[in-house]
Amino acid sequence: MSVRQALNGRGYKVLVDSSAFSEWWELAATSGLWKSAAEDSPDILNDHLRGPDTNARVYIAYLGGEPVGVGYVYPEHFSTATGHARVGVVPSARGKGAGKALTHQIIATSASLGVTRLFAQHRVPDVIDKPASALAAGTGFLLEGVSAEQSLDLASLKEAAVQAPCGEIVSWEGACPEELVAQYAPLVASGFGSKRVGSDEVVVAYRRAEAQAAALGKTMFVSVALSGNGELIGHSRISVKKSDPVEATQGVTLVRPEYRRQGWASGLKSSNTALLRSRSPASKYLVTVNRTTNEPILRLNESLGFVKRASLYQYVFGAARDADAD
């Protein structure tokens, strides 16, 4: 078991060990570490620490032999030079340097993953959280953007006929057909910028995400938009935990630029939500997160019945994200 001393002079040690995390999580959950502000934390841990092909790093801060905080970092599927970091400290140890020790440890060792940009975020109902903001600023992170977390009450949703503008929308549960996943790369490139993704990388990442979902007991619901000649022009995905299906998660909805503002995004979301309701009746809410600058998708979500329930503040450390990546 590898132990490294954090350079903060407060007696904290930071343990780098993935296998110890499961035991630590049980302690952290009962101590109220995440409170109600991170209901999805176990999912994140499973996805990036216990799933196949994981490349995450875990950091546990100890004080006097007791675990008081945790941090972890993992690279993105589509841009492995970009990492996402998460830090949490038990309430009784906050304000004593554990969070800073963990954050510095993440920054110092992320280079071993090939990570040159680190992103972190915290979730609050309405106003910016001062301790989290102070930690970010004190460790070199800059505020990069704000996202809105929206929730759809599936019980109050009224059924509506889905109209495909000029083509068709196809929905299914499970893995994507081979002929369609091959077309997913140019769709992603149109949404995230061709400099950031390559065809082989996107296909491998897509299949890896499916494998992770299956290994973690998640069900994937997918809807795609096809043009009149069968070209893939849109994609939307929802994931549901079989062990805890109450809250489903809406993934990224992509539509090729030349087909936007024609009703495809609305059709994709509506079709996939209908599939979710029919196949997962235990699911009560659908949650999605989008940048506050993405006003078209926020308005679309509102028109479908989504309501805002929290804000997420994103911070960046290192090289800035490419301008065409959002």
C-alpha atoms as a PDB file:
ATOM      1  CA  MET A   1       0.000   0.000   0.000  1.00  0.00           C
ATOM      2  CA  SER A   2       1.583   3.270  -1.144  1.00  0.00           C
ATOM      3  CA  VAL A   3       1.443   6.266   1.182  1.00  0.00           C
ATOM      4  CA  ARG A   4       2.638   9.772   0.330  1.00  0.00           C
ATOM      5  CA  GLN A   5       2.888  12.762   2.639  1.00  0.00           C
ATOM      6  CA  ALA A   6       0.947  15.821   1.525  1.00  0.00           C
ATOM      7  CA  LEU A   7       2.981  19.003   1.789  1.00  0.00           C
ATOM      8  CA  ASN A   8       0.615  21.068   3.894  1.00  0.00           C
ATOM      9  CA  GLY A   9       2.106  20.781   7.359  1.00  0.00           C
ATOM     10  CA  ARG A  10      -1.130  19.605   8.983  1.00  0.00           C
ATOM     11  CA  GLY A  11      -0.294  15.948   9.512  1.00  0.00           C
ATOM     12  CA  TYR A  12      -2.400  14.638   6.639  1.00  0.00           C
ATOM     13  CA  LYS A  13      -1.296  11.650   4.644  1.00  0.00           C
ATOM     14  CA  VAL A  14      -2.704  10.869   1.221  1.00  0.00           C
ATOM     15  CA  LEU A  15      -3.104   7.225   0.304  1.00  0.00           C
ATOM     16  CA  VAL A  16      -3.123   6.281  -3.381  1.00  0.00           C
ATOM     17  CA  ASP A  17      -5.076   3.032  -3.576  1.00  0.00           C
ATOM     18  CA  SER A  18      -8.106   2.028  -5.652  1.00  0.00           C
ATOM     19  CA  SER A  19      -8.841  -1.196  -3.761  1.00  0.00           C
ATOM     20  CA  ALA A  20      -9.371   0.648  -0.466  1.00  0.00           C
ATOM     21  CA  PHE A  21     -11.999   2.931  -1.894  1.00  0.00           C
ATOM     22  CA  SER A  22     -15.017   0.652  -1.504  1.00  0.00           C
ATOM     23  CA  GLU A  23     -14.481   0.376   2.245  1.00  0.00           C
ATOM     24  CA  TRP A  24     -13.855   4.116   2.502  1.00  0.00           C
ATOM     25  CA  TRP A  25     -17.042   4.881   0.562  1.00  0.00           C
ATOM     26  CA  GLU A  26     -19.152   3.026   3.117  1.00  0.00           C
ATOM     27  CA  LEU A  27     -17.668   5.192   5.879  1.00  0.00           C
ATOM     28  CA  ALA A  28     -18.023   8.371   3.845  1.00  0.00           C
ATOM     29  CA  ALA A  29     -21.651   7.660   2.984  1.00  0.00           C
ATOM     30  CA  THR A  30     -22.629   7.148   6.623  1.00  0.00           C
ATOM     31  CA  SER A  31     -20.703  10.241   7.726  1.00  0.00           C
ATOM     32  CA  GLY A  32     -22.689  12.489   5.386  1.00  0.00           C
ATOM     33  CA  LEU A  33     -19.723  13.375   3.179  1.00  0.00           C
ATOM     34  CA  TRP A  34     -21.754  13.966   0.028  1.00  0.00           C
ATOM     35  CA  LYS A  35     -24.950  14.988   1.867  1.00  0.00           C
ATOM     36  CA  SER A  36     -27.828  15.309  -0.610  1.00  0.00           C
ATOM     37  CA  ALA A  37     -25.708  17.116  -3.161  1.00  0.00           C
ATOM     38  CA  ALA A  38     -24.205  14.071  -4.849  1.00  0.00           C
ATOM     39  CA  GLU A  39     -26.764  11.302  -5.144  1.00  0.00           C
ATOM     40  CA  ASP A  40     -24.876  10.109  -8.198  1.00  0.00           C
ATOM     41  CA  SER A  41     -21.496   9.689  -6.493  1.00  0.00           C
ATOM     42  CA  PRO A  42     -21.692   5.870  -6.200  1.00  0.00           C
ATOM     43  CA  ASP A  43     -22.426   5.763  -9.928  1.00  0.00           C
ATOM     44  CA  ILE A  44     -19.390   7.881 -10.702  1.00  0.00           C
ATOM     45  CA  LEU A  45     -17.232   5.633  -8.545  1.00  0.00           C
ATOM     46  CA  ASN A  46     -18.533   2.493 -10.212  1.00  0.00           C
ATOM     47  CA  ASP A  47     -18.215   3.902 -13.715  1.00  0.00           C
ATOM     48  CA  HIS A  48     -14.654   5.102 -13.331  1.00  0.00           C
ATOM     49  CA  LEU A  49     -13.132   2.916 -10.616  1.00  0.00           C
ATOM     50  CA  ARG A  50     -14.802  -0.484 -10.861  1.00  0.00           C
ATOM     51  CA  GLY A  51     -15.804  -0.593 -14.505  1.00  0.00           C
ATOM     52  CA  PRO A  52     -13.799  -2.300 -17.257  1.00  0.00           C
ATOM     53  CA  ASP A  53     -10.776  -0.490 -18.699  1.00  0.00           C
ATOM     54  CA  THR A  54     -10.701   1.928 -15.790  1.00  0.00           C
ATOM     55  CA  ASN A  55      -7.793   4.341 -15.660  1.00  0.00           C
ATOM     56  CA  ALA A  56      -8.782   6.321 -12.584  1.00  0.00           C
ATOM     57  CA  ARG A  57      -6.603   7.272  -9.619  1.00  0.00           C
ATOM     58  CA  VAL A  58      -7.968   7.392  -6.077  1.00  0.00           C
ATOM     59  CA  TYR A  59      -6.649   9.441  -3.154  1.00  0.00           C
ATOM     60  CA  ILE A  60      -7.643   9.024   0.491  1.00  0.00           C
ATOM     61  CA  ALA A  61      -6.605  11.570   3.104  1.00  0.00           C
ATOM     62  CA  TYR A  62      -5.940  10.320   6.642  1.00  0.00           C
ATOM     63  CA  LEU A  63      -5.554  12.336   9.823  1.00  0.00           C
ATOM     64  CA  GLY A  64      -4.450  10.518  12.952  1.00  0.00           C
ATOM     65  CA  GLY A  65      -5.029   7.199  11.214  1.00  0.00           C
ATOM     66  CA  GLU A  66      -8.637   8.006  10.349  1.00  0.00           C
ATOM     67  CA  PRO A  67      -9.869   8.587   6.774  1.00  0.00           C
ATOM     68  CA  VAL A  68     -11.271  12.113   6.498  1.00  0.00           C
ATOM     69  CA  GLY A  69     -11.403  12.836   2.771  1.00  0.00           C
ATOM     70  CA  VAL A  70     -11.260  11.386  -0.705  1.00  0.00           C
ATOM     71  CA  GLY A  71     -10.298  12.576  -4.162  1.00  0.00           C
ATOM     72  CA  TYR A  72     -10.140  10.906  -7.536  1.00  0.00           C
ATOM     73  CA  VAL A  73      -9.378  11.743 -11.155  1.00  0.00           C
ATOM     74  CA  TYR A  74     -10.258   9.972 -14.404  1.00  0.00           C
ATOM     75  CA  PRO A  75      -9.654  10.788 -18.086  1.00  0.00           C
ATOM     76  CA  GLU A  76     -12.448  11.496 -20.566  1.00  0.00           C
ATOM     77  CA  HIS A  77     -13.448   8.825 -23.079  1.00  0.00           C
ATOM     78  CA  PHE A  78     -13.029  11.120 -26.084  1.00  0.00           C
ATOM     79  CA  SER A  79     -10.095  13.233 -24.905  1.00  0.00           C
ATOM     80  CA  THR A  80      -7.725  11.376 -22.587  1.00  0.00           C
ATOM     81  CA  ALA A  81      -5.631  14.525 -22.114  1.00  0.00           C
ATOM     82  CA  THR A  82      -8.614  15.905 -20.188  1.00  0.00           C
ATOM     83  CA  GLY A  83      -9.303  14.615 -16.681  1.00  0.00           C
ATOM     84  CA  HIS A  84     -12.169  15.087 -14.246  1.00  0.00           C
ATOM     85  CA  ALA A  85     -11.403  15.479 -10.545  1.00  0.00           C
ATOM     86  CA  ARG A  86     -13.607  15.091  -7.468  1.00  0.00           C
ATOM     87  CA  VAL A  87     -12.740  15.912  -3.859  1.00  0.00           C
ATOM     88  CA  GLY A  88     -14.799  15.514  -0.698  1.00  0.00           C
ATOM     89  CA  VAL A  89     -14.072  15.868   3.021  1.00  0.00           C
ATOM     90  CA  VAL A  90     -16.152  14.692   5.977  1.00  0.00           C
ATOM     91  CA  PRO A  91     -17.884  17.609   7.737  1.00  0.00           C
ATOM     92  CA  SER A  92     -15.891  17.270  10.962  1.00  0.00           C
ATOM     93  CA  ALA A  93     -12.584  17.734   9.114  1.00  0.00           C
ATOM     94  CA  ARG A  94     -13.503  20.532   6.742  1.00  0.00           C
ATOM     95  CA  GLY A  95     -11.521  23.758   6.815  1.00  0.00           C
ATOM     96  CA  LYS A  96      -8.411  21.987   8.127  1.00  0.00           C
ATOM     97  CA  GLY A  97      -6.499  21.451   4.891  1.00  0.00           C
ATOM     98  CA  ALA A  98      -7.605  17.948   3.822  1.00  0.00           C
ATOM     99  CA  GLY A  99      -9.311  19.200   0.670  1.00  0.00           C
ATOM    100  CA  LYS A 100      -6.257  21.196  -0.348  1.00  0.00           C
ATOM    101  CA  ALA A 101      -3.951  18.221   0.298  1.00  0.00           C
ATOM    102  CA  LEU A 102      -6.102  15.979  -1.875  1.00  0.00           C
ATOM    103  CA  THR A 103      -6.353  18.552  -4.662  1.00  0.00           C
ATOM    104  CA  HIS A 104      -2.596  19.117  -4.761  1.00  0.00           C
ATOM    105  CA  GLN A 105      -2.055  15.345  -4.852  1.00  0.00           C
ATOM    106  CA  ILE A 106      -4.418  15.012  -7.831  1.00  0.00           C
ATOM    107  CA  ILE A 107      -2.655  17.801  -9.709  1.00  0.00           C
ATOM    108  CA  ALA A 108       0.793  16.401  -8.975  1.00  0.00           C
ATOM    109  CA  THR A 109       0.060  12.860 -10.162  1.00  0.00           C
ATOM    110  CA  SER A 110      -2.372  13.471 -13.041  1.00  0.00           C
ATOM    111  CA  ALA A 111       0.563  13.744 -15.449  1.00  0.00           C
ATOM    112  CA  SER A 112       1.047   9.974 -15.127  1.00  0.00           C
ATOM    113  CA  LEU A 113      -2.324   9.574 -16.850  1.00  0.00           C
ATOM    114  CA  GLY A 114      -1.323  11.936 -19.649  1.00  0.00           C
ATOM    115  CA  VAL A 115      -3.803  14.490 -18.315  1.00  0.00           C
ATOM    116  CA  THR A 116      -2.933  18.105 -19.143  1.00  0.00           C
ATOM    117  CA  ARG A 117      -6.338  19.658 -18.314  1.00  0.00           C
ATOM    118  CA  LEU A 118      -8.286  18.980 -15.127  1.00  0.00           C
ATOM    119  CA  PHE A 119     -11.955  19.785 -14.660  1.00  0.00           C
ATOM    120  CA  ALA A 120     -13.812  19.814 -11.350  1.00  0.00           C
ATOM    121  CA  GLN A 121     -17.299  20.880 -10.332  1.00  0.00           C
ATOM    122  CA  HIS A 122     -19.555  21.263  -7.326  1.00  0.00           C
ATOM    123  CA  ARG A 123     -23.322  21.171  -7.154  1.00  0.00           C
ATOM    124  CA  VAL A 124     -25.497  23.627  -5.194  1.00  0.00           C
ATOM    125  CA  PRO A 125     -29.208  24.418  -5.260  1.00  0.00           C
ATOM    126  CA  ASP A 126     -28.979  28.113  -6.163  1.00  0.00           C
ATOM    127  CA  VAL A 127     -25.922  30.015  -4.991  1.00  0.00           C
ATOM    128  CA  ILE A 128     -22.212  29.410  -5.347  1.00  0.00           C
ATOM    129  CA  ASP A 129     -20.702  27.427  -2.464  1.00  0.00           C
ATOM    130  CA  LYS A 130     -18.020  29.606  -0.865  1.00  0.00           C
ATOM    131  CA  PRO A 131     -15.826  26.850   0.668  1.00  0.00           C
ATOM    132  CA  ALA A 132     -15.702  24.924  -2.616  1.00  0.00           C
ATOM    133  CA  SER A 133     -14.998  28.103  -4.570  1.00  0.00           C
ATOM    134  CA  ALA A 134     -12.225  29.067  -2.145  1.00  0.00           C
ATOM    135  CA  LEU A 135     -10.656  25.601  -2.457  1.00  0.00           C
ATOM    136  CA  ALA A 136     -10.716  25.830  -6.260  1.00  0.00           C
ATOM    137  CA  ALA A 137      -9.187  29.309  -6.281  1.00  0.00           C
ATOM    138  CA  GLY A 138      -6.577  28.408  -3.664  1.00  0.00           C
ATOM    139  CA  THR A 139      -5.311  25.443  -5.685  1.00  0.00           C
ATOM    140  CA  GLY A 140      -5.101  27.148  -9.082  1.00  0.00           C
ATOM    141  CA  PHE A 141      -8.458  26.219 -10.601  1.00  0.00           C
ATOM    142  CA  LEU A 142     -10.403  28.876 -12.512  1.00  0.00           C
ATOM    143  CA  LEU A 143     -14.177  29.062 -12.906  1.00  0.00           C
ATOM    144  CA  GLU A 144     -14.781  27.724 -16.426  1.00  0.00           C
ATOM    145  CA  GLY A 145     -18.566  27.656 -16.648  1.00  0.00           C
ATOM    146  CA  VAL A 146     -21.895  26.942 -14.990  1.00  0.00           C
ATOM    147  CA  SER A 147     -24.373  24.197 -15.847  1.00  0.00           C
ATOM    148  CA  ALA A 148     -28.023  23.756 -14.960  1.00  0.00           C
ATOM    149  CA  GLU A 149     -29.270  20.452 -13.590  1.00  0.00           C
ATOM    150  CA  GLN A 150     -32.866  19.846 -14.699  1.00  0.00           C
ATOM    151  CA  SER A 151     -35.286  17.120 -13.681  1.00  0.00           C
ATOM    152  CA  LEU A 152     -38.361  15.719 -15.436  1.00  0.00           C
ATOM    153  CA  ASP A 153     -41.171  14.193 -13.351  1.00  0.00           C
ATOM    154  CA  LEU A 154     -42.099  11.167 -15.458  1.00  0.00           C
ATOM    155  CA  ALA A 155     -45.358  10.603 -13.589  1.00  0.00           C
ATOM    156  CA  SER A 156     -46.741  13.974 -14.710  1.00  0.00           C
ATOM    157  CA  LEU A 157     -45.540  13.621 -18.297  1.00  0.00           C
ATOM    158  CA  LYS A 158     -48.291  13.471 -20.888  1.00  0.00           C
ATOM    159  CA  GLU A 159     -47.943  11.116 -23.831  1.00  0.00           C
ATOM    160  CA  ALA A 160     -47.525  12.867 -27.160  1.00  0.00           C
ATOM    161  CA  ALA A 161     -47.109  11.636 -30.706  1.00  0.00           C
ATOM    162  CA  VAL A 162     -43.520  11.943 -31.938  1.00  0.00           C
ATOM    163  CA  GLN A 163     -43.092  13.375 -35.410  1.00  0.00           C
ATOM    164  CA  ALA A 164     -39.906  12.844 -37.406  1.00  0.00           C
ATOM    165  CA  PRO A 165     -39.415  15.938 -39.608  1.00  0.00           C
ATOM    166  CA  CYS A 166     -38.185  14.084 -42.715  1.00  0.00           C
ATOM    167  CA  GLY A 167     -36.908  10.609 -41.992  1.00  0.00           C
ATOM    168  CA  GLU A 168     -37.431   8.397 -38.956  1.00  0.00           C
ATOM    169  CA  ILE A 169     -36.555   7.972 -35.291  1.00  0.00           C
ATOM    170  CA  VAL A 170     -35.581   4.478 -34.149  1.00  0.00           C
ATOM    171  CA  SER A 171     -35.354   3.457 -30.488  1.00  0.00           C
ATOM    172  CA  TRP A 172     -34.015   0.395 -28.698  1.00  0.00           C
ATOM    173  CA  GLU A 173     -32.738  -0.952 -25.387  1.00  0.00           C
ATOM    174  CA  GLY A 174     -29.142  -2.166 -25.140  1.00  0.00           C
ATOM    175  CA  ALA A 175     -26.241  -2.180 -27.606  1.00  0.00           C
ATOM    176  CA  CYS A 176     -26.120  -0.048 -30.735  1.00  0.00           C
ATOM    177  CA  PRO A 177     -26.224  -1.937 -34.070  1.00  0.00           C
ATOM    178  CA  GLU A 178     -22.822  -2.122 -35.761  1.00  0.00           C
ATOM    179  CA  GLU A 179     -23.895  -0.228 -38.874  1.00  0.00           C
ATOM    180  CA  LEU A 180     -25.055   2.713 -36.759  1.00  0.00           C
ATOM    181  CA  VAL A 181     -22.183   2.894 -34.288  1.00  0.00           C
ATOM    182  CA  ALA A 182     -19.845   3.198 -37.277  1.00  0.00           C
ATOM    183  CA  GLN A 183     -21.680   6.414 -38.194  1.00  0.00           C
ATOM    184  CA  TYR A 184     -21.466   7.796 -34.660  1.00  0.00           C
ATOM    185  CA  ALA A 185     -17.950   9.220 -35.072  1.00  0.00           C
ATOM    186  CA  PRO A 186     -18.827  11.948 -37.615  1.00  0.00           C
ATOM    187  CA  LEU A 187     -21.860  12.830 -35.508  1.00  0.00           C
ATOM    188  CA  VAL A 188     -19.667  13.295 -32.422  1.00  0.00           C
ATOM    189  CA  ALA A 189     -17.109  15.225 -34.455  1.00  0.00           C
ATOM    190  CA  SER A 190     -19.822  17.628 -35.603  1.00  0.00           C
ATOM    191  CA  GLY A 191     -20.855  18.208 -32.010  1.00  0.00           C
ATOM    192  CA  PHE A 192     -17.486  18.323 -30.237  1.00  0.00           C
ATOM    193  CA  GLY A 193     -15.055  19.452 -32.915  1.00  0.00           C
ATOM    194  CA  SER A 194     -13.067  17.259 -35.292  1.00  0.00           C
ATOM    195  CA  LYS A 195      -9.768  18.184 -33.618  1.00  0.00           C
ATOM    196  CA  ARG A 196     -10.875  16.528 -30.420  1.00  0.00           C
ATOM    197  CA  VAL A 197     -12.030  13.089 -31.618  1.00  0.00           C
ATOM    198  CA  GLY A 198     -11.105  10.427 -34.152  1.00  0.00           C
ATOM    199  CA  SER A 199     -13.341   7.770 -35.715  1.00  0.00           C
ATOM    200  CA  ASP A 200     -11.662   4.731 -34.157  1.00  0.00           C
ATOM    201  CA  GLU A 201     -11.407   6.420 -30.783  1.00  0.00           C
ATOM    202  CA  VAL A 202     -15.111   7.295 -30.765  1.00  0.00           C
ATOM    203  CA  VAL A 203     -16.265   3.800 -31.712  1.00  0.00           C
ATOM    204  CA  VAL A 204     -14.021   2.205 -29.084  1.00  0.00           C
ATOM    205  CA  ALA A 205     -15.261   4.682 -26.453  1.00  0.00           C
ATOM    206  CA  TYR A 206     -18.886   3.997 -27.391  1.00  0.00           C
ATOM    207  CA  ARG A 207     -18.453   0.245 -27.008  1.00  0.00           C
ATOM    208  CA  ARG A 208     -16.510   0.752 -23.774  1.00  0.00           C
ATOM    209  CA  ALA A 209     -19.381   2.790 -22.350  1.00  0.00           C
ATOM    210  CA  GLU A 210     -21.797  -0.003 -23.285  1.00  0.00           C
ATOM    211  CA  ALA A 211     -19.537  -2.582 -21.628  1.00  0.00           C
ATOM    212  CA  GLN A 212     -19.331  -0.465 -18.489  1.00  0.00           C
ATOM    213  CA  ALA A 213     -23.098  -0.121 -18.367  1.00  0.00           C
ATOM    214  CA  ALA A 214     -23.593  -3.887 -18.686  1.00  0.00           C
ATOM    215  CA  ALA A 215     -20.938  -4.666 -16.064  1.00  0.00           C
ATOM    216  CA  LEU A 216     -22.493  -2.203 -13.623  1.00  0.00           C
ATOM    217  CA  GLY A 217     -26.057  -3.407 -14.034  1.00  0.00           C
ATOM    218  CA  LYS A 218     -27.246  -0.413 -16.031  1.00  0.00           C
ATOM    219  CA  THR A 219     -29.798  -0.402 -18.810  1.00  0.00           C
ATOM    220  CA  MET A 220     -29.199   1.867 -21.799  1.00  0.00           C
ATOM    221  CA  PHE A 221     -32.077   3.308 -23.817  1.00  0.00           C
ATOM    222  CA  VAL A 222     -31.116   4.815 -27.156  1.00  0.00           C
ATOM    223  CA  SER A 223     -32.963   6.769 -29.839  1.00  0.00           C
ATOM    224  CA  VAL A 224     -31.384   7.787 -33.143  1.00  0.00           C
ATOM    225  CA  ALA A 225     -32.553  10.030 -35.965  1.00  0.00           C
ATOM    226  CA  LEU A 226     -32.107   8.784 -39.527  1.00  0.00           C
ATOM    227  CA  SER A 227     -32.414  10.941 -42.621  1.00  0.00           C
ATOM    228  CA  GLY A 228     -34.454   9.874 -45.629  1.00  0.00           C
ATOM    229  CA  ASN A 229     -31.459   7.985 -47.015  1.00  0.00           C
ATOM    230  CA  GLY A 230     -30.674   6.222 -43.732  1.00  0.00           C
ATOM    231  CA  GLU A 231     -27.842   8.508 -42.592  1.00  0.00           C
ATOM    232  CA  LEU A 232     -27.365   8.854 -38.817  1.00  0.00           C
ATOM    233  CA  ILE A 233     -28.080  12.508 -38.038  1.00  0.00           C
ATOM    234  CA  GLY A 234     -28.992  12.431 -34.341  1.00  0.00           C
ATOM    235  CA  HIS A 235     -28.473  10.382 -31.179  1.00  0.00           C
ATOM    236  CA  SER A 236     -29.770  10.441 -27.593  1.00  0.00           C
ATOM    237  CA  ARG A 237     -29.123   8.039 -24.725  1.00  0.00           C
ATOM    238  CA  ILE A 238     -30.598   7.442 -21.254  1.00  0.00           C
ATOM    239  CA  SER A 239     -29.090   5.202 -18.555  1.00  0.00           C
ATOM    240  CA  VAL A 240     -30.880   3.550 -15.636  1.00  0.00           C
ATOM    241  CA  LYS A 241     -29.466   1.607 -12.702  1.00  0.00           C
ATOM    242  CA  LYS A 242     -31.337  -1.689 -12.366  1.00  0.00           C
ATOM    243  CA  SER A 243     -30.672  -1.728  -8.608  1.00  0.00           C
ATOM    244  CA  ASP A 244     -31.926   1.846  -8.143  1.00  0.00           C
ATOM    245  CA  PRO A 245     -34.046   2.868 -11.156  1.00  0.00           C
ATOM    246  CA  VAL A 246     -35.940   5.778  -9.594  1.00  0.00           C
ATOM    247  CA  GLU A 247     -33.706   8.440 -11.148  1.00  0.00           C
ATOM    248  CA  ALA A 248     -32.636   7.943 -14.762  1.00  0.00           C
ATOM    249  CA  THR A 249     -29.835   9.949 -16.374  1.00  0.00           C
ATOM    250  CA  GLN A 250     -30.120  11.698 -19.741  1.00  0.00           C
ATOM    251  CA  GLY A 251     -26.897  11.545 -21.739  1.00  0.00           C
ATOM    252  CA  VAL A 252     -25.776  13.940 -24.463  1.00  0.00           C
ATOM    253  CA  THR A 253     -28.255  14.528 -27.283  1.00  0.00           C
ATOM    254  CA  LEU A 254     -26.484  15.240 -30.571  1.00  0.00           C
ATOM    255  CA  VAL A 255     -27.909  16.436 -33.884  1.00  0.00           C
ATOM    256  CA  ARG A 256     -25.803  17.248 -36.938  1.00  0.00           C
ATOM    257  CA  PRO A 257     -25.608  21.054 -37.413  1.00  0.00           C
ATOM    258  CA  GLU A 258     -27.400  21.080 -40.773  1.00  0.00           C
ATOM    259  CA  TYR A 259     -30.406  19.282 -39.226  1.00  0.00           C
ATOM    260  CA  ARG A 260     -30.787  21.441 -36.131  1.00  0.00           C
ATOM    261  CA  ARG A 261     -33.853  23.598 -35.434  1.00  0.00           C
ATOM    262  CA  GLN A 262     -36.013  21.141 -37.356  1.00  0.00           C
ATOM    263  CA  GLY A 263     -37.490  19.290 -34.371  1.00  0.00           C
ATOM    264  CA  TRP A 264     -35.062  16.363 -34.322  1.00  0.00           C
ATOM    265  CA  ALA A 265     -33.753  16.981 -30.797  1.00  0.00           C
ATOM    266  CA  SER A 266     -37.274  17.209 -29.422  1.00  0.00           C
ATOM    267  CA  GLY A 267     -38.243  14.036 -31.265  1.00  0.00           C
ATOM    268  CA  LEU A 268     -35.203  12.153 -29.988  1.00  0.00           C
ATOM    269  CA  LYS A 269     -35.751  13.160 -26.372  1.00  0.00           C
ATOM    270  CA  SER A 270     -39.492  12.437 -26.522  1.00  0.00           C
ATOM    271  CA  SER A 271     -38.989   9.040 -28.167  1.00  0.00           C
ATOM    272  CA  ASN A 272     -36.359   7.975 -25.694  1.00  0.00           C
ATOM    273  CA  THR A 273     -38.398   9.185 -22.736  1.00  0.00           C
ATOM    274  CA  ALA A 274     -41.377   7.172 -24.008  1.00  0.00           C
ATOM    275  CA  LEU A 275     -39.141   4.095 -24.266  1.00  0.00           C
ATOM    276  CA  LEU A 276     -37.872   4.691 -20.734  1.00  0.00           C
ATOM    277  CA  ARG A 277     -41.387   4.900 -19.336  1.00  0.00           C
ATOM    278  CA  SER A 278     -42.527   1.738 -21.106  1.00  0.00           C
ATOM    279  CA  ARG A 279     -39.487  -0.386 -20.230  1.00  0.00           C
ATOM    280  CA  SER A 280     -38.633   1.027 -16.777  1.00  0.00           C
ATOM    281  CA  PRO A 281     -41.885   1.858 -14.951  1.00  0.00           C
ATOM    282  CA  ALA A 282     -39.968   2.157 -11.645  1.00  0.00           C
ATOM    283  CA  SER A 283     -38.149   5.232 -12.991  1.00  0.00           C
ATOM    284  CA  LYS A 284     -39.790   8.376 -11.613  1.00  0.00           C
ATOM    285  CA  TYR A 285     -37.407  11.140 -12.708  1.00  0.00           C
ATOM    286  CA  LEU A 286     -35.156  11.892 -15.664  1.00  0.00           C
ATOM    287  CA  VAL A 287     -32.193  14.174 -14.907  1.00  0.00           C
ATOM    288  CA  THR A 288     -30.079  16.122 -17.386  1.00  0.00           C
ATOM    289  CA  VAL A 289     -27.218  18.638 -17.121  1.00  0.00           C
ATOM    290  CA  ASN A 290     -26.432  21.342 -19.697  1.00  0.00           C
ATOM    291  CA  ARG A 291     -24.406  24.525 -19.820  1.00  0.00           C
ATOM    292  CA  THR A 292     -26.325  27.678 -18.920  1.00  0.00           C
ATOM    293  CA  THR A 293     -25.008  29.176 -22.172  1.00  0.00           C
ATOM    294  CA  ASN A 294     -26.808  26.466 -24.160  1.00  0.00           C
ATOM    295  CA  GLU A 295     -30.095  28.337 -24.116  1.00  0.00           C
ATOM    296  CA  PRO A 296     -31.725  26.390 -27.006  1.00  0.00           C
ATOM    297  CA  ILE A 297     -31.420  23.022 -25.238  1.00  0.00           C
ATOM    298  CA  LEU A 298     -32.491  24.500 -21.887  1.00  0.00           C
ATOM    299  CA  ARG A 299     -35.595  25.976 -23.496  1.00  0.00           C
ATOM    300  CA  LEU A 300     -36.279  22.687 -25.256  1.00  0.00           C
ATOM    301  CA  ASN A 301     -36.016  20.816 -21.964  1.00  0.00           C
ATOM    302  CA  GLU A 302     -38.393  23.275 -20.316  1.00  0.00           C
ATOM    303  CA  SER A 303     -40.884  22.772 -23.139  1.00  0.00           C
ATOM    304  CA  LEU A 304     -40.731  19.022 -22.455  1.00  0.00           C
ATOM    305  CA  GLY A 305     -41.448  19.560 -18.744  1.00  0.00           C
ATOM    306  CA  PHE A 306     -37.967  19.695 -17.196  1.00  0.00           C
ATOM    307  CA  VAL A 307     -37.483  22.048 -14.243  1.00  0.00           C
ATOM    308  CA  LYS A 308     -34.201  23.335 -12.805  1.00  0.00           C
ATOM    309  CA  ARG A 309     -33.204  21.905  -9.446  1.00  0.00           C
ATOM    310  CA  ALA A 310     -29.517  22.855  -9.055  1.00  0.00           C
ATOM    311  CA  SER A 311     -26.517  24.634 -10.529  1.00  0.00           C
ATOM    312  CA  LEU A 312     -23.156  23.000 -11.164  1.00  0.00           C
ATOM    313  CA  TYR A 313     -20.036  25.181 -11.143  1.00  0.00           C
ATOM    314  CA  GLN A 314     -17.193  23.856 -13.311  1.00  0.00           C
ATOM    315  CA  TYR A 315     -13.532  24.707 -12.780  1.00  0.00           C
ATOM    316  CA  VAL A 316     -10.486  24.085 -14.980  1.00  0.00           C
ATOM    317  CA  PHE A 317      -6.787  23.653 -14.181  1.00  0.00           C
ATOM    318  CA  GLY A 318      -4.178  23.641 -16.926  1.00  0.00           C
ATOM    319  CA  ALA A 319      -4.632  24.177 -20.663  1.00  0.00           C
ATOM    320  CA  ALA A 320      -7.968  25.722 -21.627  1.00  0.00           C
ATOM    321  CA  ARG A 321     -10.548  23.639 -23.431  1.00  0.00           C
ATOM    322  CA  ASP A 322     -10.670  24.079 -27.207  1.00  0.00           C
ATOM    323  CA  ALA A 323     -13.164  26.729 -28.278  1.00  0.00           C
ATOM    324  CA  ASP A 324     -15.130  24.268 -30.432  1.00  0.00           C
ATOM    325  CA  ALA A 325     -15.449  21.595 -27.749  1.00  0.00           C
ATOM    326  CA  ASP A 326     -18.707  22.691 -26.094  1.00  0.00           C
END
